Protein backbone atom coordinates (compact mmCIF):
# COMPACT_ATOMS: atom_id res chain seq x y z
CA MET A 1 126.89 121.92 183.20
CA LEU A 2 127.22 122.61 186.90
CA SER A 3 130.19 122.77 189.22
CA VAL A 4 129.03 120.12 191.68
CA GLY A 5 131.96 118.25 193.21
CA ALA A 6 131.86 114.51 193.73
CA SER A 7 131.79 115.01 197.51
CA ASP A 8 129.13 117.74 197.59
CA LYS A 9 125.99 116.46 199.27
CA VAL A 10 123.40 118.03 196.99
CA TYR A 11 121.50 115.16 195.38
CA GLU A 12 118.20 113.56 196.29
CA THR A 13 118.28 109.87 197.18
CA THR A 14 116.31 108.53 194.19
CA LYS A 15 119.07 106.29 192.82
CA LEU A 16 120.30 105.35 196.28
CA GLY A 17 116.79 104.23 197.21
CA ALA A 18 116.50 102.15 194.04
CA VAL A 19 119.80 100.32 194.67
CA PHE A 20 118.87 99.83 198.33
CA ASP A 21 115.40 98.46 197.62
CA VAL A 22 116.50 95.94 195.01
CA LEU A 23 119.37 94.67 197.18
CA ALA A 24 117.10 94.51 200.24
CA SER A 25 114.58 92.47 198.23
CA HIS A 26 117.41 89.98 197.66
CA GLY A 27 117.93 89.68 201.41
CA VAL A 28 120.98 91.93 201.73
CA LEU A 29 121.17 93.65 205.12
CA PRO A 30 120.96 97.48 205.28
CA ASP A 31 124.33 97.81 207.06
CA ALA A 32 126.03 95.94 204.23
CA ILE A 33 124.37 98.07 201.55
CA LEU A 34 125.39 101.32 203.26
CA ARG A 35 128.88 100.23 204.27
CA ASN A 36 131.51 103.01 204.12
CA THR A 37 128.97 105.64 203.05
CA ASN A 38 128.15 107.42 206.35
CA ILE A 39 124.52 107.49 205.19
CA PRO A 40 122.02 106.87 208.03
CA LEU A 41 119.34 104.29 207.26
CA ALA A 42 116.68 106.93 207.90
CA ASP A 43 118.05 109.01 205.01
CA VAL A 44 117.68 106.35 202.32
CA HIS A 45 114.10 107.32 201.44
CA SER A 46 114.00 110.76 203.04
CA PRO A 47 112.90 113.59 200.72
CA GLN A 48 114.97 116.00 202.81
CA ALA A 49 118.20 113.98 202.72
CA ARG A 50 120.98 114.87 200.29
CA ILE A 51 123.90 112.68 199.27
CA SER A 52 127.03 113.04 197.17
CA LEU A 53 128.09 111.25 194.01
CA THR A 54 130.92 109.67 196.01
CA GLN A 55 128.42 108.16 198.45
CA LEU A 56 126.24 106.90 195.62
CA MET A 57 129.25 105.41 193.87
CA THR A 58 130.21 103.61 197.10
CA VAL A 59 126.73 102.08 197.31
CA CYS A 60 127.15 100.84 193.73
CA GLN A 61 130.53 99.34 194.65
CA ASN A 62 128.83 97.59 197.56
CA ALA A 63 126.18 96.25 195.19
CA VAL A 64 128.86 94.84 192.89
CA ARG A 65 130.39 93.05 195.86
CA LEU A 66 127.17 91.83 197.47
CA SER A 67 125.07 90.47 194.63
CA THR A 68 125.44 87.60 192.19
CA ASP A 69 122.36 88.56 190.14
CA ARG A 70 123.62 89.05 186.57
CA HIS A 71 120.72 91.39 185.78
CA LEU A 72 121.01 93.46 188.97
CA PRO A 73 122.20 96.81 187.55
CA TYR A 74 119.65 96.81 184.73
CA SER A 75 116.89 95.78 187.16
CA ILE A 76 117.80 98.67 189.45
CA GLY A 77 117.67 101.10 186.53
CA ALA A 78 114.38 99.70 185.24
CA SER A 79 112.81 100.18 188.69
CA ILE A 80 113.31 103.95 188.45
CA HIS A 81 110.39 105.81 186.90
CA ILE A 82 109.63 109.43 186.15
CA SER A 83 107.40 109.65 189.22
CA THR A 84 110.45 109.21 191.47
CA TYR A 85 112.30 112.18 189.96
CA GLY A 86 110.13 114.96 191.37
CA MET A 87 110.12 118.20 189.40
CA TYR A 88 112.66 116.86 186.89
CA GLY A 89 110.39 113.92 186.09
CA TYR A 90 107.26 116.06 185.92
CA ALA A 91 108.98 118.38 183.46
CA LEU A 92 109.86 115.40 181.24
CA LEU A 93 106.20 114.38 181.18
CA CYS A 94 105.13 117.92 180.30
CA CYS A 95 107.43 118.17 177.26
CA PRO A 96 105.18 118.71 174.22
CA ASP A 97 107.06 116.26 171.99
CA PHE A 98 109.69 113.58 172.35
CA ARG A 99 112.51 115.66 170.89
CA LYS A 100 112.01 118.33 173.53
CA ALA A 101 111.97 115.58 176.16
CA MET A 102 115.38 114.37 174.96
CA GLU A 103 116.74 117.92 174.91
CA PHE A 104 115.39 118.59 178.39
CA ALA A 105 116.93 115.38 179.73
CA MET A 106 120.30 116.46 178.36
CA ARG A 107 120.18 119.99 179.74
CA TYR A 108 118.94 119.09 183.21
CA HIS A 109 120.75 115.77 183.65
CA THR A 110 122.72 117.23 186.55
CA LEU A 111 119.55 117.22 188.67
CA ALA A 112 119.45 113.42 188.48
CA ALA A 113 122.64 112.58 190.44
CA PRO A 114 124.62 111.68 187.31
CA LEU A 115 127.00 108.74 187.63
CA ALA A 116 127.63 108.93 183.90
CA ALA A 117 128.02 111.59 181.25
CA ILE A 118 125.30 111.40 178.61
CA ASP A 119 125.07 112.75 175.08
CA PHE A 120 122.19 112.76 172.61
CA THR A 121 122.63 112.87 168.83
CA GLU A 122 120.48 112.16 165.82
CA ASP A 123 120.70 111.80 162.06
CA LYS A 124 117.96 111.23 159.48
CA ILE A 125 117.47 107.60 160.49
CA HIS A 126 118.69 107.04 164.04
CA ALA A 127 118.77 108.81 167.39
CA ARG A 128 121.37 107.79 169.96
CA TRP A 129 121.94 108.16 173.67
CA THR A 130 125.63 107.73 174.47
CA ILE A 131 126.43 106.81 178.07
CA GLU A 132 129.91 107.09 179.56
CA PRO A 133 130.36 106.26 183.26
CA ASN A 134 132.27 108.89 185.22
CA LEU A 135 136.04 108.57 185.06
CA HIS A 136 136.45 107.27 188.61
CA ALA A 137 134.63 104.10 187.48
CA PHE A 138 137.30 103.32 184.86
CA ALA A 139 139.70 101.73 187.35
CA ASP A 140 137.13 99.07 188.23
CA PRO A 141 135.78 97.21 185.17
CA ALA A 142 132.95 95.61 187.15
CA LEU A 143 131.84 98.99 188.50
CA TYR A 144 132.05 100.49 185.01
CA ARG A 145 129.77 97.77 183.64
CA PHE A 146 127.42 98.10 186.61
CA ILE A 147 126.94 101.84 186.08
CA ALA A 148 126.61 101.53 182.29
CA GLU A 149 123.94 98.83 182.55
CA MET A 150 122.08 100.59 185.36
CA GLN A 151 122.01 103.81 183.32
CA ILE A 152 120.72 101.92 180.28
CA GLY A 153 117.96 100.51 182.47
CA ILE A 154 117.09 104.01 183.70
CA HIS A 155 117.03 105.46 180.19
CA ILE A 156 114.82 102.73 178.74
CA SER A 157 112.46 102.95 181.72
CA LEU A 158 112.12 106.74 181.46
CA MET A 159 111.70 106.61 177.68
CA ARG A 160 108.88 104.11 178.10
CA ASP A 161 107.28 106.41 180.65
CA VAL A 162 107.46 109.31 178.19
CA MET A 163 107.02 107.55 174.82
CA GLY A 164 104.73 104.71 175.87
CA PRO A 165 105.25 101.20 177.29
CA GLY A 166 105.73 99.75 173.81
CA PHE A 167 108.96 101.69 173.22
CA ALA A 168 111.90 99.48 172.31
CA PRO A 169 115.33 100.58 171.04
CA SER A 170 116.63 99.40 167.69
CA GLU A 171 119.78 98.18 169.41
CA VAL A 172 121.95 98.65 172.48
CA THR A 173 125.74 98.70 172.12
CA LEU A 174 128.26 98.26 174.92
CA ALA A 175 131.93 99.27 174.92
CA TYR A 176 133.14 96.11 176.66
CA SER A 177 133.11 92.36 176.25
CA GLN A 178 130.23 90.26 177.48
CA ALA A 179 131.04 89.22 181.03
CA ALA A 180 129.81 86.53 183.37
CA ASP A 181 128.91 88.85 186.23
CA PHE A 182 126.54 91.32 184.52
CA ASP A 183 124.24 91.17 181.52
CA LEU A 184 121.17 92.81 180.01
CA PRO A 185 117.89 90.83 180.03
CA LEU A 186 117.12 90.67 176.31
CA ASP A 187 113.42 89.97 176.81
CA HIS A 188 113.05 93.25 178.70
CA VAL A 189 115.41 95.40 176.64
CA GLY A 190 113.49 94.34 173.54
CA CYS A 191 116.29 94.69 171.00
CA PRO A 192 119.66 93.20 170.01
CA VAL A 193 122.57 93.92 172.37
CA ARG A 194 126.07 94.09 170.87
CA PHE A 195 129.28 94.01 172.88
CA ASP A 196 132.82 95.22 172.10
CA GLN A 197 131.49 98.33 170.36
CA PRO A 198 133.04 101.83 170.29
CA ALA A 199 130.55 103.27 172.81
CA ASN A 200 127.71 102.48 175.19
CA GLN A 201 124.64 103.55 173.25
CA ILE A 202 120.87 103.20 173.09
CA VAL A 203 119.83 103.51 169.43
CA PHE A 204 116.26 104.10 168.28
CA LYS A 205 114.35 105.44 165.27
CA ALA A 206 114.73 109.20 164.84
CA GLN A 207 111.20 109.49 163.45
CA LEU A 208 109.87 108.88 166.96
CA LEU A 209 111.21 112.26 168.06
CA ASP A 210 108.56 114.22 166.18
CA GLN A 211 105.64 112.45 167.82
CA LYS A 212 103.53 114.45 170.23
CA ALA A 213 103.71 113.35 173.84
CA ASP A 214 100.38 112.06 175.18
CA LEU A 215 100.89 113.83 178.50
CA GLY A 216 102.68 116.88 177.10
CA ASN A 217 101.41 120.30 178.12
CA LYS A 218 102.63 123.39 176.29
CA THR A 219 101.12 125.67 178.92
CA THR A 220 102.63 123.96 181.96
CA TYR A 221 105.99 123.12 180.39
CA PRO A 222 107.59 126.62 180.56
CA THR A 223 106.60 127.01 184.20
CA ILE A 224 108.08 123.66 185.16
CA VAL A 225 111.28 124.40 183.23
CA ALA A 226 111.63 127.65 185.18
CA LEU A 227 111.31 125.69 188.43
CA CYS A 228 114.02 123.30 187.25
CA ASP A 229 116.20 126.32 186.49
CA ASP A 230 115.73 127.33 190.11
CA LEU A 231 116.83 123.86 191.21
CA LEU A 232 119.94 124.21 189.07
CA GLY A 233 120.52 127.58 190.67
CA ASP A 234 120.66 125.90 194.06
CA LEU A 235 123.29 123.46 192.80
CA ARG A 236 125.35 126.31 191.37
CA LEU A 237 126.07 127.52 194.88
CA ARG A 238 128.30 124.50 195.48
CA ILE A 239 132.05 124.70 195.13
CA GLY A 240 134.26 122.42 193.04
CA VAL A 241 136.87 122.69 190.31
CA ALA A 242 134.20 123.86 187.89
CA GLY A 243 133.03 126.38 190.48
CA LYS A 244 136.50 127.92 190.61
CA ILE A 245 136.52 128.21 186.84
CA ARG A 246 133.07 129.73 186.87
CA ALA A 247 134.15 132.33 189.42
CA ILE A 248 136.95 133.41 187.08
CA LEU A 249 134.57 133.55 184.11
CA LEU A 250 132.16 135.73 186.07
CA ARG A 251 134.80 138.44 186.49
CA ASP A 252 134.36 139.30 182.81
CA ILE A 253 131.78 137.08 181.16
CA ALA A 254 131.90 139.16 177.97
CA LYS A 255 135.65 138.68 177.49
CA PRO A 256 136.54 135.49 179.34
CA PRO A 257 140.12 134.25 179.55
CA THR A 258 141.08 131.14 177.62
CA PHE A 259 141.00 127.75 179.27
CA GLU A 260 144.81 127.72 179.27
CA ALA A 261 144.93 131.11 181.01
CA ILE A 262 142.48 129.90 183.66
CA ALA A 263 144.58 126.80 184.27
CA LYS A 264 147.60 129.05 184.82
CA GLN A 265 145.63 131.17 187.32
CA LEU A 266 144.67 128.03 189.23
CA GLY A 267 148.25 126.76 189.23
CA VAL A 268 147.64 123.58 187.22
CA ASN A 269 148.35 122.58 183.65
CA ASP A 270 145.43 122.69 181.26
CA ARG A 271 145.51 118.94 180.64
CA SER A 272 145.13 118.20 184.35
CA LEU A 273 142.37 120.79 184.73
CA ARG A 274 140.47 119.38 181.77
CA ARG A 275 140.72 115.91 183.30
CA GLN A 276 139.37 117.18 186.62
CA LEU A 277 136.46 118.80 184.81
CA ARG A 278 135.69 115.57 182.99
CA GLN A 279 135.75 113.67 186.28
CA GLN A 280 132.89 115.89 187.38
CA GLY A 281 131.16 115.39 184.04
CA PHE A 282 131.70 118.99 182.91
CA SER A 283 133.26 120.85 179.98
CA PHE A 284 134.69 124.36 179.69
CA ARG A 285 132.28 125.35 176.93
CA GLY A 286 129.38 123.93 178.90
CA LEU A 287 130.30 125.99 181.95
CA HIS A 288 130.61 129.17 179.91
CA ASP A 289 127.27 128.61 178.18
CA GLU A 290 125.55 127.71 181.45
CA LEU A 291 126.78 130.92 183.05
CA ARG A 292 125.65 133.04 180.13
CA THR A 293 122.26 131.34 180.22
CA GLN A 294 121.88 132.13 183.92
CA ILE A 295 122.84 135.77 183.44
CA ALA A 296 120.65 136.18 180.35
CA LEU A 297 117.63 134.80 182.20
CA LYS A 298 118.17 137.24 185.05
CA TYR A 299 118.43 140.19 182.67
CA LEU A 300 115.34 139.12 180.72
CA ARG A 301 113.23 138.48 183.81
CA ASN A 302 114.35 141.31 186.06
CA THR A 303 115.34 144.22 183.82
CA THR A 304 114.14 146.13 180.77
CA LEU A 305 117.52 145.95 179.02
CA ALA A 306 117.26 145.62 175.25
CA ASN A 307 118.49 142.42 173.62
CA GLU A 308 121.35 144.41 172.08
CA ASP A 309 122.58 145.45 175.53
CA ILE A 310 122.29 141.93 176.92
CA ALA A 311 124.16 140.61 173.89
CA LEU A 312 127.06 143.01 174.52
CA ALA A 313 127.12 142.17 178.22
CA LEU A 314 127.48 138.48 177.39
CA GLY A 315 130.13 138.93 174.70
CA PHE A 316 128.03 138.62 171.54
CA SER A 317 128.66 140.86 168.55
CA ASP A 318 124.97 141.57 167.99
CA ALA A 319 121.46 140.71 169.16
CA ALA A 320 120.91 138.15 166.39
CA ASN A 321 123.82 136.00 167.55
CA PHE A 322 122.56 136.26 171.12
CA ARG A 323 119.06 135.16 170.10
CA ARG A 324 120.41 132.13 168.25
CA ALA A 325 122.60 131.12 171.19
CA PHE A 326 119.79 131.68 173.69
CA HIS A 327 117.47 129.46 171.68
CA ARG A 328 120.16 126.78 171.59
CA TRP A 329 120.56 126.97 175.37
CA THR A 330 116.89 127.13 176.36
CA ASN A 331 114.76 126.21 173.31
CA LYS A 332 113.11 129.61 173.77
CA ALA A 333 113.42 133.09 172.31
CA PRO A 334 114.30 135.99 174.62
CA SER A 335 110.81 137.37 174.00
CA ASP A 336 109.32 134.18 175.44
CA ILE A 337 111.06 134.84 178.75
CA ARG A 338 109.92 138.46 178.87
CA GLY A 339 106.36 137.30 178.26
CA GLU A 340 106.28 134.85 181.16
C-alpha cells in the first residue's frame, strides 16, 4: 500500500472522465458536474492532469445529486475498460493467467485512483472480490451505494476484458438494503444480486483462475510490471499519514518499532492512527511489506549483495524466509530480478 493522502493530486483522470461523460450524455452541464472540485474543464480528459481522491469523491457526490438514473453508478463503472488504464491496464492484459491478473490488480490497485478498498480471496470452489468504499463514504448512504455499485461495474467490465466477454459472476452480494435510487441492471450483471449481505462481493468460479489468458505474454509481463513499480515509486514521494509512518520505518527497516510505538512518536493513540490509515485504504503491515519490497528490488537490481545480506538488511532471519516473502510480494524469485 502507498501513503497517498486523500488531497494529494497524483491520480490520472480515468474515473473522473467516465463519470463526466455519462452525466454529460444525460444532459448535465459541465459546471454542475465539476461543482466544488476546482477541476478545470480542460483537465477532465487531459493525460497530463492529476486529481485527488477528494476531488473524485466530490464528483461522485455531484453525480448522486444530479442524476435520477437508477443504474448510473454501474453504467459508469461498466464504461471503463482496460484500454483507459494506461500501463496498469496493459499489464493486466499481459498477465499469463487469470490468477496472476487478480493478484496484479490487488497489488497495483493504488494506481487506479481507489475510492474503495478491495480484497481478493479464493477457496476450492469460489473466488471473491470484496469491495469496501473508503471510510469517508460511510456518512452518506447514497454515496456509499454509488461507489460500491460503480466499483462492481468496473470490476465486471475489466474481468470481461481479461477473461472474455462471456464472463459472468456466480453472484453479487451487497451489504445494504435494496434502495429506490440505485440498482444493478441484472441483464448486464448476468447473475443473481443479493442485498443485506455481510459484504459487497463479486463471486465467481475459482476454476476460472487457472485458465490461460488469450492476450497474456510471459515475455512482456515482467517488463510491464517493472514499469508499474516505477509508477508506484512516483506515488511514494507523496506525503500523508502513511508517509509519516513509512519515514519512521525507514530509519531501521530491519528492526521497526511497533505500531503502538509509532503512534506515540506521532502524538496520537494507536486506534486513531489505525483509523486514519484505513481512511487512506492502507494497513501497517501493507506499508511495511511495500517498503521492504521497494528496498529489496533496489538491492537486487543495483547491487551484487547476496540474498543472505539482503535478508539481514530487511529483518529476515535467513535467505529462505526472505525468498518466500519476496515471492509473496512480487510473484517472483530474487533470481528473476537479477536476471532481468
